[in-house]
Amino acid sequence: MRRPRAHRAQHPHEIRHAHLSGLQLDQLTEVPPWAAFLPLDAWRALLFAMQEDLRARGIVARYQGDTFSAFLPDGRLASLGIVNLAERCRGADVEGFHGLARAHFDAVLPSPTEPSAELSRTDFDAIAPSLIAHVYREEMLAPARDSVIARPLCAGLVSAIAVDFGHGIGSLPRDLAAEWNRPDDELFRVALANVRRRPVQRRPFPARASSGVLITGADHAVTSQVHFLASHLGGHHPAGALVGLPSRSALLCIPLPSGGDAPSPECVADAAALVRGLFDALAARPRSAEGMFSPHLYWWRDGGLTALP
């Protein structure tokens, strides 16, 4: 995990217009009762210090009152408490909040390059039902790209072997998988079969040019259904389909009319507006920030993906 960059000490009045996952700190007009020992300026300064440290680590997080809901760079989900850190800031100088936040997250955040404590030296047969082929943006795995088992899907996206722990999903360390002496092809076969069996819901989604399909689910692996778009769409679509992955829990697919080698600019523009609107709508929900995935558009055809600029 990347080390946080150095921070200049900030006086409380300098952070009035900072944003915290859509929340303006100057709109915080009171300290929550459990943190009443902190003055309002100190409370704002603490949230700002935490936000900046998480941002430096490449972690998407949303403030939830007494926790941050966080989406870690390697795809895992976490709930990061504020209470203990706030206690450490009691009576401390505001200028020291950045250092306290850095030390706090150094202690509580797992490193993406180390196996999860929950993924002990388990034999393959025991862990196989929990393996999935999970879709990541390339930057999510950048700190640990060489230590995971991954294959490119298209520019900006990769498919990696991951473990679904039930409460969160973590990439599978290559050195741990090596102990099973199983080839990557076998791991992907098992992981893809598990993805195919996961329950999802499909419903029509109105689009200007043609009707699309919205695939949703209760977990954070719906993006992995991009591996099985042919099955979800049904029939044959020679021109392919435009695909949006706005959230870990939602996949939008718009089949293209037959004819032509590429989607028209007008069709792409309409689909891009749909995906962006869906992305923004999901991001506005109070507890969706940690599951947001991509505001971009992709073209699926004959089982392959192309990222559209």
Protein backbone atom coordinates (compact mmCIF):
# COMPACT_ATOMS: atom_id res chain seq x y z
CA MET A 1 0.00 0.00 0.00
CA ARG A 2 1.33 3.41 -0.90
CA ARG A 3 2.65 5.54 1.86
CA PRO A 4 0.76 8.80 2.41
CA ARG A 5 2.31 11.93 1.01
CA ALA A 6 3.59 14.57 3.41
CA HIS A 7 0.99 17.09 4.55
CA ARG A 8 1.36 20.69 5.49
CA ALA A 9 -0.35 21.50 8.77
CA GLN A 10 -3.70 23.17 8.09
CA HIS A 11 -5.40 25.77 10.23
CA PRO A 12 -9.15 25.09 10.63
CA HIS A 13 -10.16 28.13 8.57
CA GLU A 14 -8.22 26.73 5.59
CA ILE A 15 -10.45 23.66 5.27
CA ARG A 16 -13.83 25.31 5.13
CA HIS A 17 -14.41 24.45 1.48
CA ALA A 18 -12.91 20.96 1.47
CA HIS A 19 -15.18 18.17 0.27
CA LEU A 20 -15.59 14.86 2.01
CA SER A 21 -17.26 12.43 -0.43
CA GLY A 22 -19.84 15.03 -1.42
CA LEU A 23 -20.10 16.58 2.06
CA GLN A 24 -18.83 20.13 2.54
CA LEU A 25 -17.06 20.46 5.85
CA ASP A 26 -18.39 23.99 6.32
CA GLN A 27 -21.87 22.43 6.35
CA LEU A 28 -20.96 20.50 9.50
CA THR A 29 -22.46 22.76 12.13
CA GLU A 30 -22.19 20.51 15.16
CA VAL A 31 -20.07 17.77 16.65
CA PRO A 32 -21.80 14.40 17.14
CA PRO A 33 -22.63 13.68 20.80
CA TRP A 34 -20.09 10.84 21.08
CA ALA A 35 -17.29 13.27 20.08
CA ALA A 36 -18.50 16.24 22.14
CA PHE A 37 -15.05 16.53 23.74
CA LEU A 38 -13.78 18.04 20.43
CA PRO A 39 -14.53 21.64 19.43
CA LEU A 40 -16.24 22.04 16.05
CA ASP A 41 -13.09 23.34 14.30
CA ALA A 42 -11.12 20.38 15.65
CA TRP A 43 -13.83 17.96 14.47
CA ARG A 44 -13.68 19.41 10.97
CA ALA A 45 -9.89 19.28 11.01
CA LEU A 46 -9.96 15.62 12.05
CA LEU A 47 -12.32 14.64 9.21
CA PHE A 48 -10.16 16.58 6.77
CA ALA A 49 -6.99 14.83 7.99
CA MET A 50 -8.63 11.43 7.60
CA GLN A 51 -9.95 12.28 4.15
CA GLU A 52 -6.56 13.44 2.93
CA ASP A 53 -4.76 10.38 4.25
CA LEU A 54 -7.25 7.97 2.68
CA ARG A 55 -7.07 9.85 -0.61
CA ALA A 56 -3.27 9.62 -0.60
CA ARG A 57 -3.56 5.85 -0.22
CA GLY A 58 -5.88 5.58 -3.23
CA ILE A 59 -8.88 4.65 -1.08
CA VAL A 60 -12.41 5.75 -1.98
CA ALA A 61 -14.30 6.51 1.22
CA ARG A 62 -17.55 8.07 2.37
CA TYR A 63 -18.16 9.61 5.77
CA GLN A 64 -20.98 7.81 7.62
CA GLY A 65 -21.14 9.61 11.00
CA ASP A 66 -18.87 7.45 13.13
CA THR A 67 -17.18 5.44 10.37
CA PHE A 68 -15.86 5.73 6.83
CA SER A 69 -17.17 3.17 4.35
CA ALA A 70 -14.08 2.47 2.29
CA PHE A 71 -13.28 0.69 -0.97
CA LEU A 72 -9.65 -0.43 -0.84
CA PRO A 73 -7.38 -0.30 -3.92
CA ASP A 74 -7.39 -4.10 -4.33
CA GLY A 75 -11.19 -4.31 -4.26
CA ARG A 76 -11.81 -5.14 -0.61
CA LEU A 77 -14.46 -3.33 1.41
CA ALA A 78 -13.85 -1.97 4.88
CA SER A 79 -15.59 -0.02 7.60
CA LEU A 80 -13.06 2.35 9.20
CA GLY A 81 -13.94 3.60 12.65
CA ILE A 82 -13.42 7.17 13.78
CA VAL A 83 -14.09 6.79 17.50
CA ASN A 84 -10.65 5.56 18.60
CA LEU A 85 -8.84 8.16 16.52
CA ALA A 86 -11.05 10.94 17.85
CA GLU A 87 -10.13 9.86 21.39
CA ARG A 88 -6.43 10.13 20.50
CA CYS A 89 -7.04 13.66 19.22
CA ARG A 90 -8.56 14.75 22.52
CA GLY A 91 -6.38 17.60 23.75
CA ALA A 92 -3.90 17.25 20.83
CA ASP A 93 -2.86 20.16 18.64
CA VAL A 94 -4.79 20.39 15.37
CA GLU A 95 -1.45 20.52 13.54
CA GLY A 96 -0.79 16.96 14.72
CA PHE A 97 -4.03 15.45 13.38
CA HIS A 98 -2.47 14.42 10.05
CA GLY A 99 0.21 12.42 11.83
CA LEU A 100 -2.33 10.79 14.12
CA ALA A 101 -4.54 9.86 11.16
CA ARG A 102 -1.55 8.44 9.27
CA ALA A 103 -0.49 6.30 12.25
CA HIS A 104 -4.07 5.14 12.79
CA PHE A 105 -4.54 3.94 9.20
CA ASP A 106 -1.06 2.41 9.10
CA ALA A 107 -2.17 0.24 12.00
CA VAL A 108 -5.69 -0.71 10.90
CA LEU A 109 -5.46 -0.99 7.11
CA PRO A 110 -4.30 -4.28 5.59
CA SER A 111 -1.53 -4.17 3.01
CA PRO A 112 -2.70 -5.21 -0.48
CA THR A 113 0.54 -7.12 -0.97
CA GLU A 114 0.04 -9.38 2.06
CA PRO A 115 -2.45 -12.27 2.30
CA SER A 116 -5.50 -11.58 4.40
CA ALA A 117 -5.35 -13.13 7.83
CA GLU A 118 -8.56 -14.92 6.92
CA LEU A 119 -6.83 -16.57 3.95
CA SER A 120 -4.56 -18.88 5.88
CA ARG A 121 -2.80 -21.84 4.32
CA THR A 122 -6.09 -23.36 3.24
CA ASP A 123 -6.14 -26.31 0.85
CA PHE A 124 -7.52 -25.76 -2.64
CA ASP A 125 -10.69 -27.84 -2.26
CA ALA A 126 -11.70 -25.80 0.78
CA ILE A 127 -11.22 -22.40 -0.87
CA ALA A 128 -12.33 -23.27 -4.43
CA PRO A 129 -16.08 -22.54 -3.85
CA SER A 130 -15.16 -18.99 -2.78
CA LEU A 131 -12.97 -18.13 -5.79
CA ILE A 132 -14.38 -15.63 -8.31
CA ALA A 133 -13.06 -13.91 -11.42
CA HIS A 134 -13.39 -10.33 -10.18
CA VAL A 135 -13.20 -7.28 -12.42
CA TYR A 136 -10.87 -4.46 -11.36
CA ARG A 137 -9.84 -1.13 -12.80
CA GLU A 138 -6.10 -1.34 -13.45
CA GLU A 139 -5.26 1.33 -10.89
CA MET A 140 -7.01 -0.68 -8.16
CA LEU A 141 -4.36 -3.38 -8.46
CA ALA A 142 -1.44 -1.15 -9.41
CA PRO A 143 0.33 -1.42 -6.02
CA ALA A 144 0.11 -5.22 -6.11
CA ARG A 145 -0.28 -6.02 -9.82
CA ASP A 146 2.58 -8.55 -9.97
CA SER A 147 1.44 -10.38 -6.85
CA VAL A 148 -2.04 -11.33 -8.09
CA ILE A 149 -3.34 -13.63 -10.83
CA ALA A 150 -4.88 -11.32 -13.41
CA ARG A 151 -5.64 -11.12 -17.12
CA PRO A 152 -6.51 -8.03 -19.19
CA LEU A 153 -10.10 -7.51 -20.29
CA CYS A 154 -9.51 -4.29 -22.21
CA ALA A 155 -7.65 -1.02 -21.76
CA GLY A 156 -8.17 -0.05 -18.12
CA LEU A 157 -9.85 -3.28 -16.93
CA VAL A 158 -8.49 -6.62 -15.73
CA SER A 159 -10.02 -9.84 -14.46
CA ALA A 160 -8.27 -11.23 -11.36
CA ILE A 161 -8.73 -14.29 -9.19
CA ALA A 162 -10.27 -13.17 -5.90
CA VAL A 163 -11.75 -14.72 -2.78
CA ASP A 164 -15.24 -13.86 -1.59
CA PHE A 165 -15.12 -13.91 2.21
CA GLY A 166 -18.84 -13.13 2.48
CA HIS A 167 -18.35 -9.74 4.13
CA GLY A 168 -15.77 -8.61 1.55
CA ILE A 169 -13.77 -9.60 -1.52
CA GLY A 170 -9.98 -9.73 -1.67
CA SER A 171 -7.58 -10.57 -4.50
CA LEU A 172 -5.81 -13.93 -4.20
CA PRO A 173 -2.04 -13.61 -3.63
CA ARG A 174 -0.12 -15.49 -6.30
CA ASP A 175 2.40 -16.91 -3.82
CA LEU A 176 -0.40 -18.49 -1.82
CA ALA A 177 -2.04 -19.96 -4.92
CA ALA A 178 1.34 -21.38 -5.98
CA GLU A 179 1.24 -23.74 -3.00
CA TRP A 180 -1.74 -25.50 -4.59
CA ASN A 181 0.29 -26.23 -7.74
CA ARG A 182 -2.71 -25.39 -9.94
CA PRO A 183 -2.27 -23.65 -13.33
CA ASP A 184 -3.83 -20.22 -13.84
CA ASP A 185 -6.20 -21.68 -16.45
CA GLU A 186 -7.69 -24.03 -13.88
CA LEU A 187 -8.09 -21.25 -11.31
CA PHE A 188 -9.91 -19.10 -13.86
CA ARG A 189 -12.16 -22.01 -14.90
CA VAL A 190 -13.21 -22.55 -11.28
CA ALA A 191 -13.58 -18.82 -10.59
CA LEU A 192 -15.67 -18.19 -13.71
CA ALA A 193 -17.93 -21.15 -13.00
CA ASN A 194 -18.59 -19.69 -9.54
CA VAL A 195 -19.44 -16.30 -11.05
CA ARG A 196 -21.87 -17.90 -13.50
CA ARG A 197 -23.77 -19.50 -10.60
CA ARG A 198 -24.18 -16.27 -8.62
CA PRO A 199 -27.80 -15.04 -8.56
CA VAL A 200 -28.55 -11.76 -10.35
CA GLN A 201 -31.68 -9.93 -11.46
CA ARG A 202 -32.26 -8.76 -15.05
CA ARG A 203 -34.78 -6.14 -16.05
CA PRO A 204 -35.39 -4.00 -19.16
CA PHE A 205 -33.83 -0.58 -19.10
CA PRO A 206 -35.19 2.06 -21.51
CA ALA A 207 -32.67 3.55 -23.94
CA ARG A 208 -33.27 6.03 -26.73
CA ALA A 209 -32.07 3.81 -29.57
CA SER A 210 -33.10 0.41 -28.19
CA SER A 211 -34.04 -1.29 -24.96
CA GLY A 212 -31.17 -2.20 -22.68
CA VAL A 213 -30.79 -4.71 -19.90
CA LEU A 214 -29.89 -3.75 -16.33
CA ILE A 215 -28.26 -6.55 -14.34
CA THR A 216 -28.19 -6.07 -10.57
CA GLY A 217 -27.44 -8.13 -7.50
CA ALA A 218 -27.08 -8.02 -3.75
CA ASP A 219 -23.29 -8.38 -3.70
CA HIS A 220 -20.28 -6.47 -5.02
CA ALA A 221 -19.42 -8.92 -7.81
CA VAL A 222 -22.10 -8.08 -10.39
CA THR A 223 -19.42 -6.44 -12.56
CA SER A 224 -17.98 -9.94 -13.01
CA GLN A 225 -21.09 -10.85 -15.04
CA VAL A 226 -19.42 -9.00 -17.91
CA HIS A 227 -17.74 -12.36 -18.59
CA PHE A 228 -21.18 -13.79 -19.51
CA LEU A 229 -22.88 -11.05 -21.50
CA ALA A 230 -23.78 -13.41 -24.35
CA SER A 231 -25.85 -15.50 -21.94
CA HIS A 232 -27.49 -12.48 -20.32
CA LEU A 233 -28.45 -10.90 -23.65
CA GLY A 234 -29.68 -14.04 -25.35
CA GLY A 235 -29.85 -14.39 -29.12
CA HIS A 236 -27.16 -13.23 -31.51
CA HIS A 237 -26.02 -9.61 -31.68
CA PRO A 238 -23.57 -9.23 -34.57
CA ALA A 239 -22.86 -5.57 -33.75
CA GLY A 240 -22.42 -6.34 -30.06
CA ALA A 241 -23.57 -4.10 -27.24
CA LEU A 242 -22.58 -1.02 -25.29
CA VAL A 243 -21.78 -1.77 -21.65
CA GLY A 244 -21.66 0.35 -18.52
CA LEU A 245 -20.24 -0.74 -15.15
CA PRO A 246 -21.28 2.18 -12.94
CA SER A 247 -21.37 0.20 -9.72
CA ARG A 248 -20.05 -3.05 -8.32
CA SER A 249 -23.71 -4.05 -8.02
CA ALA A 250 -25.00 -2.94 -11.44
CA LEU A 251 -24.20 -3.65 -15.08
CA LEU A 252 -25.98 -1.88 -17.96
CA CYS A 253 -25.97 -3.47 -21.42
CA ILE A 254 -27.51 -1.93 -24.57
CA PRO A 255 -27.60 -4.26 -27.64
CA LEU A 256 -26.72 -2.54 -30.89
CA PRO A 257 -28.80 -2.87 -34.06
CA SER A 258 -27.29 -5.11 -36.72
CA GLY A 259 -25.25 -3.51 -39.47
CA GLY A 260 -22.05 -1.53 -39.36
CA ASP A 261 -18.72 -2.42 -37.84
CA ALA A 262 -18.90 0.02 -34.96
CA PRO A 263 -21.61 1.82 -32.98
CA SER A 264 -22.58 5.22 -34.31
CA PRO A 265 -21.38 8.33 -32.46
CA GLU A 266 -25.01 9.19 -31.67
CA CYS A 267 -25.62 5.78 -30.11
CA VAL A 268 -22.42 6.04 -28.08
CA ALA A 269 -23.33 9.53 -26.88
CA ASP A 270 -26.80 8.39 -25.79
CA ALA A 271 -25.38 5.34 -23.96
CA ALA A 272 -22.65 7.39 -22.33
CA ALA A 273 -25.25 9.82 -20.99
CA LEU A 274 -27.23 6.88 -19.58
CA VAL A 275 -24.20 5.38 -17.87
CA ARG A 276 -23.10 8.74 -16.45
CA GLY A 277 -26.63 9.40 -15.17
CA LEU A 278 -26.79 5.98 -13.55
CA PHE A 279 -23.34 6.46 -12.03
CA ASP A 280 -24.32 9.84 -10.56
CA ALA A 281 -27.65 8.53 -9.28
CA LEU A 282 -26.00 5.60 -7.51
CA ALA A 283 -23.22 7.79 -6.12
CA ALA A 284 -25.83 10.07 -4.55
CA ARG A 285 -27.17 7.26 -2.38
CA PRO A 286 -25.87 7.51 1.20
CA ARG A 287 -24.05 4.16 1.30
CA SER A 288 -23.09 3.59 -2.33
CA ALA A 289 -19.76 5.42 -2.62
CA GLU A 290 -17.63 2.42 -1.71
CA GLY A 291 -19.29 0.38 -4.47
CA MET A 292 -18.90 2.85 -7.35
CA PHE A 293 -16.86 1.35 -10.16
CA SER A 294 -16.58 3.12 -13.54
CA PRO A 295 -18.25 6.12 -15.21
CA HIS A 296 -16.90 4.96 -18.60
CA LEU A 297 -18.45 3.11 -21.53
CA TYR A 298 -17.30 -0.16 -23.15
CA TRP A 299 -18.13 -1.96 -26.39
CA TRP A 300 -18.71 -5.70 -26.14
CA ARG A 301 -18.58 -7.79 -29.29
CA ASP A 302 -18.00 -11.52 -29.84
CA GLY A 303 -16.96 -11.97 -26.23
CA GLY A 304 -14.38 -9.17 -26.22
CA LEU A 305 -14.43 -5.71 -24.62
CA THR A 306 -13.15 -2.42 -26.02
CA ALA A 307 -12.88 0.71 -23.90
CA LEU A 308 -14.54 3.66 -25.64
CA PRO A 309 -12.83 7.04 -25.19
